[in-house]
Amino acid sequence: MNTTQSDPPRKRGRPRNLEPSQEYRDRLENIVRVAADVFQAHGYEAGSLDDVAAAMGLRKASLYYYVKRKSDLLRLVFERAITVALTEVETLAHLADPRERLAALIRHQALLVTRDPALFAVFFDQRAGLEHADLADVGHKEHLYLRQFILAVEAAMAAGAIPPGDPRLVANAVIGMTSWSYKWFDARRDSPEAFADTCVALVLR
């Protein structure tokens, strides 16, 4: 005797899209960029969601569709900064030539900060506003980021491209030199590419 098993009834309505739309992602990216400008100008404590909404020409209620608290917005600013930075260094880690790899990392770090100083001013100066779990996540990713510089410095030393020394100290010095530009860099006067060239020349003569 043959039996047939009926298909389960279909649910009415459109299937839920689990991924946010491109329009949503674009708007959130813009919100994060504006928030970085606001937090740089006013500081995290003084800056508010009202300031971000006003800068975007939005009602505060509209902003709540994307973020619920100011701390969520700060977390997104930090996530954007560290994700962009880490993604690039992981790509450059595959360069085979030690001198070329270290030069590329130095250039990457110099350009990263000078091309988006507001974002990195918040990243370096406003981390006291992060929730504990968010701070721990950023710290873990920063450790991975530093590790790529240490490995590149070790390889460059072994190849004789730079003098011997403590790779950890040299890596931190390179990151410090290329990061501090957010304090003084003026895009109306200074060239990101010229600054990157200068940093490479100082380390790899």
C-alpha atoms as a PDB file:
ATOM      1  CA  MET A   1       0.000   0.000   0.000  1.00  0.00           C
ATOM      2  CA  ASN A   2       1.480   3.335  -1.010  1.00  0.00           C
ATOM      3  CA  THR A   3       1.218   6.294   1.283  1.00  0.00           C
ATOM      4  CA  THR A   4       2.034   9.890   0.552  1.00  0.00           C
ATOM      5  CA  GLN A   5       3.282  12.430   3.031  1.00  0.00           C
ATOM      6  CA  SER A   6       1.941  15.892   2.459  1.00  0.00           C
ATOM      7  CA  ASP A   7       4.270  18.890   2.502  1.00  0.00           C
ATOM      8  CA  PRO A   8       4.015  21.154   5.539  1.00  0.00           C
ATOM      9  CA  PRO A   9       1.760  24.142   4.925  1.00  0.00           C
ATOM     10  CA  ARG A  10       3.483  27.263   3.748  1.00  0.00           C
ATOM     11  CA  LYS A  11       3.531  30.274   5.989  1.00  0.00           C
ATOM     12  CA  ARG A  12       1.931  33.345   4.535  1.00  0.00           C
ATOM     13  CA  GLY A  13       3.907  36.501   3.901  1.00  0.00           C
ATOM     14  CA  ARG A  14       7.393  37.173   2.660  1.00  0.00           C
ATOM     15  CA  PRO A  15      10.297  35.163   4.127  1.00  0.00           C
ATOM     16  CA  ARG A  16      12.254  37.141   6.676  1.00  0.00           C
ATOM     17  CA  ASN A  17      15.551  38.463   5.425  1.00  0.00           C
ATOM     18  CA  LEU A  18      18.053  37.644   8.155  1.00  0.00           C
ATOM     19  CA  GLU A  19      20.766  39.852   6.658  1.00  0.00           C
ATOM     20  CA  PRO A  20      20.476  43.637   6.932  1.00  0.00           C
ATOM     21  CA  SER A  21      19.873  45.396   3.635  1.00  0.00           C
ATOM     22  CA  GLN A  22      22.595  47.312   1.849  1.00  0.00           C
ATOM     23  CA  GLU A  23      20.686  50.510   2.564  1.00  0.00           C
ATOM     24  CA  TYR A  24      20.729  49.695   6.288  1.00  0.00           C
ATOM     25  CA  ARG A  25      24.468  48.933   6.247  1.00  0.00           C
ATOM     26  CA  ASP A  26      25.243  52.125   4.338  1.00  0.00           C
ATOM     27  CA  ARG A  27      23.218  54.256   6.739  1.00  0.00           C
ATOM     28  CA  LEU A  28      24.822  52.604   9.775  1.00  0.00           C
ATOM     29  CA  GLU A  29      28.273  53.182   8.284  1.00  0.00           C
ATOM     30  CA  ASN A  30      27.428  56.855   7.860  1.00  0.00           C
ATOM     31  CA  ILE A  31      26.145  57.059  11.437  1.00  0.00           C
ATOM     32  CA  VAL A  32      29.412  55.566  12.723  1.00  0.00           C
ATOM     33  CA  ARG A  33      31.455  58.067  10.710  1.00  0.00           C
ATOM     34  CA  VAL A  34      29.418  61.022  11.995  1.00  0.00           C
ATOM     35  CA  ALA A  35      29.616  59.675  15.561  1.00  0.00           C
ATOM     36  CA  ALA A  36      33.419  59.601  15.307  1.00  0.00           C
ATOM     37  CA  ASP A  37      33.381  63.268  14.287  1.00  0.00           C
ATOM     38  CA  VAL A  38      31.045  64.155  17.178  1.00  0.00           C
ATOM     39  CA  PHE A  39      33.040  62.214  19.775  1.00  0.00           C
ATOM     40  CA  GLN A  40      36.278  63.753  18.524  1.00  0.00           C
ATOM     41  CA  ALA A  41      34.888  67.272  18.684  1.00  0.00           C
ATOM     42  CA  HIS A  42      33.082  67.022  22.038  1.00  0.00           C
ATOM     43  CA  GLY A  43      34.583  63.949  23.723  1.00  0.00           C
ATOM     44  CA  TYR A  44      32.573  60.817  24.410  1.00  0.00           C
ATOM     45  CA  GLU A  45      31.157  61.997  27.734  1.00  0.00           C
ATOM     46  CA  ALA A  46      29.939  65.357  26.399  1.00  0.00           C
ATOM     47  CA  GLY A  47      28.868  64.101  22.967  1.00  0.00           C
ATOM     48  CA  SER A  48      25.336  62.695  22.774  1.00  0.00           C
ATOM     49  CA  LEU A  49      23.012  60.775  20.510  1.00  0.00           C
ATOM     50  CA  ASP A  50      21.173  64.071  20.051  1.00  0.00           C
ATOM     51  CA  ASP A  51      24.396  65.573  18.642  1.00  0.00           C
ATOM     52  CA  VAL A  52      24.819  62.660  16.231  1.00  0.00           C
ATOM     53  CA  ALA A  53      21.188  62.817  15.102  1.00  0.00           C
ATOM     54  CA  ALA A  54      21.398  66.591  14.623  1.00  0.00           C
ATOM     55  CA  ALA A  55      24.604  66.289  12.585  1.00  0.00           C
ATOM     56  CA  MET A  56      22.837  63.838  10.288  1.00  0.00           C
ATOM     57  CA  GLY A  57      19.568  65.752  10.090  1.00  0.00           C
ATOM     58  CA  LEU A  58      17.707  62.883  11.776  1.00  0.00           C
ATOM     59  CA  ARG A  59      15.245  62.731  14.608  1.00  0.00           C
ATOM     60  CA  LYS A  60      16.670  60.967  17.657  1.00  0.00           C
ATOM     61  CA  ALA A  61      13.886  58.376  17.369  1.00  0.00           C
ATOM     62  CA  SER A  62      15.174  57.477  13.891  1.00  0.00           C
ATOM     63  CA  LEU A  63      18.670  56.967  15.297  1.00  0.00           C
ATOM     64  CA  TYR A  64      17.296  54.452  17.807  1.00  0.00           C
ATOM     65  CA  TYR A  65      16.440  52.170  14.893  1.00  0.00           C
ATOM     66  CA  TYR A  66      20.186  51.635  14.468  1.00  0.00           C
ATOM     67  CA  VAL A  67      21.602  51.982  17.987  1.00  0.00           C
ATOM     68  CA  LYS A  68      19.927  51.811  21.383  1.00  0.00           C
ATOM     69  CA  ARG A  69      22.592  53.429  23.566  1.00  0.00           C
ATOM     70  CA  LYS A  70      25.517  55.784  23.168  1.00  0.00           C
ATOM     71  CA  SER A  71      27.855  52.996  24.315  1.00  0.00           C
ATOM     72  CA  ASP A  72      26.637  50.877  21.372  1.00  0.00           C
ATOM     73  CA  LEU A  73      27.682  53.649  19.024  1.00  0.00           C
ATOM     74  CA  LEU A  74      31.115  53.938  20.626  1.00  0.00           C
ATOM     75  CA  ARG A  75      31.563  50.181  20.261  1.00  0.00           C
ATOM     76  CA  LEU A  76      30.741  50.440  16.550  1.00  0.00           C
ATOM     77  CA  VAL A  77      33.323  53.212  16.114  1.00  0.00           C
ATOM     78  CA  PHE A  78      35.976  51.019  17.721  1.00  0.00           C
ATOM     79  CA  GLU A  79      34.896  47.963  15.739  1.00  0.00           C
ATOM     80  CA  ARG A  80      35.237  49.854  12.489  1.00  0.00           C
ATOM     81  CA  ALA A  81      38.717  51.132  13.349  1.00  0.00           C
ATOM     82  CA  ILE A  82      40.196  47.828  14.522  1.00  0.00           C
ATOM     83  CA  THR A  83      38.490  45.715  11.827  1.00  0.00           C
ATOM     84  CA  VAL A  84      39.784  47.876   8.976  1.00  0.00           C
ATOM     85  CA  ALA A  85      43.265  47.858  10.498  1.00  0.00           C
ATOM     86  CA  LEU A  86      43.403  44.130  11.238  1.00  0.00           C
ATOM     87  CA  THR A  87      41.987  43.025   7.889  1.00  0.00           C
ATOM     88  CA  GLU A  88      44.714  44.897   6.008  1.00  0.00           C
ATOM     89  CA  VAL A  89      47.663  43.674   8.105  1.00  0.00           C
ATOM     90  CA  GLU A  90      46.488  40.072   7.788  1.00  0.00           C
ATOM     91  CA  THR A  91      46.576  40.518   4.011  1.00  0.00           C
ATOM     92  CA  LEU A  92      50.048  42.077   4.078  1.00  0.00           C
ATOM     93  CA  ALA A  93      51.336  39.259   6.304  1.00  0.00           C
ATOM     94  CA  HIS A  94      51.536  37.038   3.221  1.00  0.00           C
ATOM     95  CA  LEU A  95      54.207  39.159   1.517  1.00  0.00           C
ATOM     96  CA  ALA A  96      57.260  36.954   1.231  1.00  0.00           C
ATOM     97  CA  ASP A  97      60.053  39.552   1.145  1.00  0.00           C
ATOM     98  CA  PRO A  98      60.797  40.707   4.737  1.00  0.00           C
ATOM     99  CA  ARG A  99      61.808  44.235   3.768  1.00  0.00           C
ATOM    100  CA  GLU A 100      58.786  44.656   1.510  1.00  0.00           C
ATOM    101  CA  ARG A 101      56.439  43.311   4.171  1.00  0.00           C
ATOM    102  CA  LEU A 102      57.688  45.639   6.907  1.00  0.00           C
ATOM    103  CA  ALA A 103      57.591  48.623   4.537  1.00  0.00           C
ATOM    104  CA  ALA A 104      54.014  47.752   3.556  1.00  0.00           C
ATOM    105  CA  LEU A 105      52.944  47.491   7.217  1.00  0.00           C
ATOM    106  CA  ILE A 106      54.535  50.837   8.086  1.00  0.00           C
ATOM    107  CA  ARG A 107      52.880  52.469   5.093  1.00  0.00           C
ATOM    108  CA  HIS A 108      49.529  50.895   5.933  1.00  0.00           C
ATOM    109  CA  GLN A 109      49.587  52.174   9.510  1.00  0.00           C
ATOM    110  CA  ALA A 110      50.672  55.678   8.495  1.00  0.00           C
ATOM    111  CA  LEU A 111      47.979  56.004   5.838  1.00  0.00           C
ATOM    112  CA  LEU A 112      45.315  54.389   8.015  1.00  0.00           C
ATOM    113  CA  VAL A 113      45.513  57.088  10.678  1.00  0.00           C
ATOM    114  CA  THR A 114      46.193  60.125   8.492  1.00  0.00           C
ATOM    115  CA  ARG A 115      43.291  59.356   6.166  1.00  0.00           C
ATOM    116  CA  ASP A 116      40.754  59.068   8.997  1.00  0.00           C
ATOM    117  CA  PRO A 117      42.093  61.075  11.961  1.00  0.00           C
ATOM    118  CA  ALA A 118      38.662  61.574  13.593  1.00  0.00           C
ATOM    119  CA  LEU A 119      38.054  57.833  13.777  1.00  0.00           C
ATOM    120  CA  PHE A 120      41.462  57.136  15.303  1.00  0.00           C
ATOM    121  CA  ALA A 121      41.354  60.105  17.647  1.00  0.00           C
ATOM    122  CA  VAL A 122      38.315  58.437  19.220  1.00  0.00           C
ATOM    123  CA  PHE A 123      39.998  55.032  19.086  1.00  0.00           C
ATOM    124  CA  PHE A 124      43.086  56.223  20.947  1.00  0.00           C
ATOM    125  CA  ASP A 125      41.516  58.763  23.314  1.00  0.00           C
ATOM    126  CA  GLN A 126      38.002  57.599  24.203  1.00  0.00           C
ATOM    127  CA  ARG A 127      38.321  53.954  25.199  1.00  0.00           C
ATOM    128  CA  ALA A 128      37.438  54.734  28.812  1.00  0.00           C
ATOM    129  CA  GLY A 129      33.824  54.905  27.616  1.00  0.00           C
ATOM    130  CA  LEU A 130      33.773  51.290  26.380  1.00  0.00           C
ATOM    131  CA  GLU A 131      31.891  48.575  28.226  1.00  0.00           C
ATOM    132  CA  HIS A 132      34.182  46.006  29.875  1.00  0.00           C
ATOM    133  CA  ALA A 133      33.413  43.235  27.355  1.00  0.00           C
ATOM    134  CA  ASP A 134      33.940  45.597  24.421  1.00  0.00           C
ATOM    135  CA  LEU A 135      37.253  46.794  25.865  1.00  0.00           C
ATOM    136  CA  ALA A 136      38.414  43.191  26.244  1.00  0.00           C
ATOM    137  CA  ASP A 137      37.496  42.435  22.625  1.00  0.00           C
ATOM    138  CA  VAL A 138      39.395  45.477  21.360  1.00  0.00           C
ATOM    139  CA  GLY A 139      42.411  44.517  23.474  1.00  0.00           C
ATOM    140  CA  HIS A 140      42.438  41.008  22.007  1.00  0.00           C
ATOM    141  CA  LYS A 141      42.329  42.336  18.442  1.00  0.00           C
ATOM    142  CA  GLU A 142      45.043  44.886  19.202  1.00  0.00           C
ATOM    143  CA  HIS A 143      47.240  42.012  20.413  1.00  0.00           C
ATOM    144  CA  LEU A 144      46.708  40.229  17.078  1.00  0.00           C
ATOM    145  CA  TYR A 145      47.513  43.449  15.240  1.00  0.00           C
ATOM    146  CA  LEU A 146      50.742  44.033  17.179  1.00  0.00           C
ATOM    147  CA  ARG A 147      51.722  40.406  16.629  1.00  0.00           C
ATOM    148  CA  GLN A 148      51.812  40.925  12.850  1.00  0.00           C
ATOM    149  CA  PHE A 149      54.202  43.853  13.295  1.00  0.00           C
ATOM    150  CA  ILE A 150      56.422  41.857  15.666  1.00  0.00           C
ATOM    151  CA  LEU A 151      56.660  38.986  13.182  1.00  0.00           C
ATOM    152  CA  ALA A 152      57.498  41.395  10.357  1.00  0.00           C
ATOM    153  CA  VAL A 153      60.185  43.088  12.453  1.00  0.00           C
ATOM    154  CA  GLU A 154      61.693  39.720  13.410  1.00  0.00           C
ATOM    155  CA  ALA A 155      61.853  38.677   9.751  1.00  0.00           C
ATOM    156  CA  ALA A 156      63.382  42.019   8.703  1.00  0.00           C
ATOM    157  CA  MET A 157      66.046  41.705  11.417  1.00  0.00           C
ATOM    158  CA  ALA A 158      66.853  38.147  10.362  1.00  0.00           C
ATOM    159  CA  ALA A 159      67.235  39.324   6.759  1.00  0.00           C
ATOM    160  CA  GLY A 160      69.509  42.191   7.785  1.00  0.00           C
ATOM    161  CA  ALA A 161      67.025  44.823   6.569  1.00  0.00           C
ATOM    162  CA  ILE A 162      67.068  46.599   9.954  1.00  0.00           C
ATOM    163  CA  PRO A 163      69.498  46.469  12.889  1.00  0.00           C
ATOM    164  CA  PRO A 164      68.999  43.761  15.543  1.00  0.00           C
ATOM    165  CA  GLY A 165      67.029  44.592  18.664  1.00  0.00           C
ATOM    166  CA  ASP A 166      63.962  43.676  20.683  1.00  0.00           C
ATOM    167  CA  PRO A 167      61.222  43.031  18.063  1.00  0.00           C
ATOM    168  CA  ARG A 168      58.432  43.913  20.498  1.00  0.00           C
ATOM    169  CA  LEU A 169      59.959  47.299  21.310  1.00  0.00           C
ATOM    170  CA  VAL A 170      60.637  48.079  17.658  1.00  0.00           C
ATOM    171  CA  ALA A 171      57.108  47.049  16.628  1.00  0.00           C
ATOM    172  CA  ASN A 172      55.551  49.251  19.305  1.00  0.00           C
ATOM    173  CA  ALA A 173      57.826  52.142  18.322  1.00  0.00           C
ATOM    174  CA  VAL A 174      56.740  51.836  14.689  1.00  0.00           C
ATOM    175  CA  ILE A 175      53.049  51.761  15.622  1.00  0.00           C
ATOM    176  CA  GLY A 176      53.519  54.687  17.990  1.00  0.00           C
ATOM    177  CA  MET A 177      55.342  56.774  15.384  1.00  0.00           C
ATOM    178  CA  THR A 178      52.726  56.161  12.721  1.00  0.00           C
ATOM    179  CA  SER A 179      49.744  56.591  15.078  1.00  0.00           C
ATOM    180  CA  TRP A 180      50.607  59.849  16.813  1.00  0.00           C
ATOM    181  CA  SER A 181      49.870  61.752  13.595  1.00  0.00           C
ATOM    182  CA  TYR A 182      46.199  62.023  14.581  1.00  0.00           C
ATOM    183  CA  LYS A 183      47.324  64.717  17.049  1.00  0.00           C
ATOM    184  CA  TRP A 184      48.979  67.014  14.501  1.00  0.00           C
ATOM    185  CA  PHE A 185      48.217  65.913  10.945  1.00  0.00           C
ATOM    186  CA  ASP A 186      46.473  68.584   8.858  1.00  0.00           C
ATOM    187  CA  ALA A 187      45.135  67.356   5.510  1.00  0.00           C
ATOM    188  CA  ARG A 188      45.097  70.949   4.208  1.00  0.00           C
ATOM    189  CA  ARG A 189      48.859  71.123   4.638  1.00  0.00           C
ATOM    190  CA  ASP A 190      50.223  67.585   4.904  1.00  0.00           C
ATOM    191  CA  SER A 191      50.215  64.650   2.494  1.00  0.00           C
ATOM    192  CA  PRO A 192      49.376  61.154   3.841  1.00  0.00           C
ATOM    193  CA  GLU A 193      51.616  59.597   1.195  1.00  0.00           C
ATOM    194  CA  ALA A 194      54.547  61.865   2.042  1.00  0.00           C
ATOM    195  CA  PHE A 195      54.167  61.035   5.727  1.00  0.00           C
ATOM    196  CA  ALA A 196      54.052  57.300   4.929  1.00  0.00           C
ATOM    197  CA  ASP A 197      57.207  57.626   2.804  1.00  0.00           C
ATOM    198  CA  THR A 198      58.941  59.450   5.659  1.00  0.00           C
ATOM    199  CA  CYS A 199      58.074  56.734   8.164  1.00  0.00           C
ATOM    200  CA  VAL A 200      59.292  53.967   5.849  1.00  0.00           C
ATOM    201  CA  ALA A 201      62.554  55.839   5.235  1.00  0.00           C
ATOM    202  CA  LEU A 202      63.174  56.335   8.964  1.00  0.00           C
ATOM    203  CA  VAL A 203      62.907  52.594   9.661  1.00  0.00           C
ATOM    204  CA  LEU A 204      64.240  51.118   6.419  1.00  0.00           C
ATOM    205  CA  ARG A 205      67.067  53.364   5.282  1.00  0.00           C
END
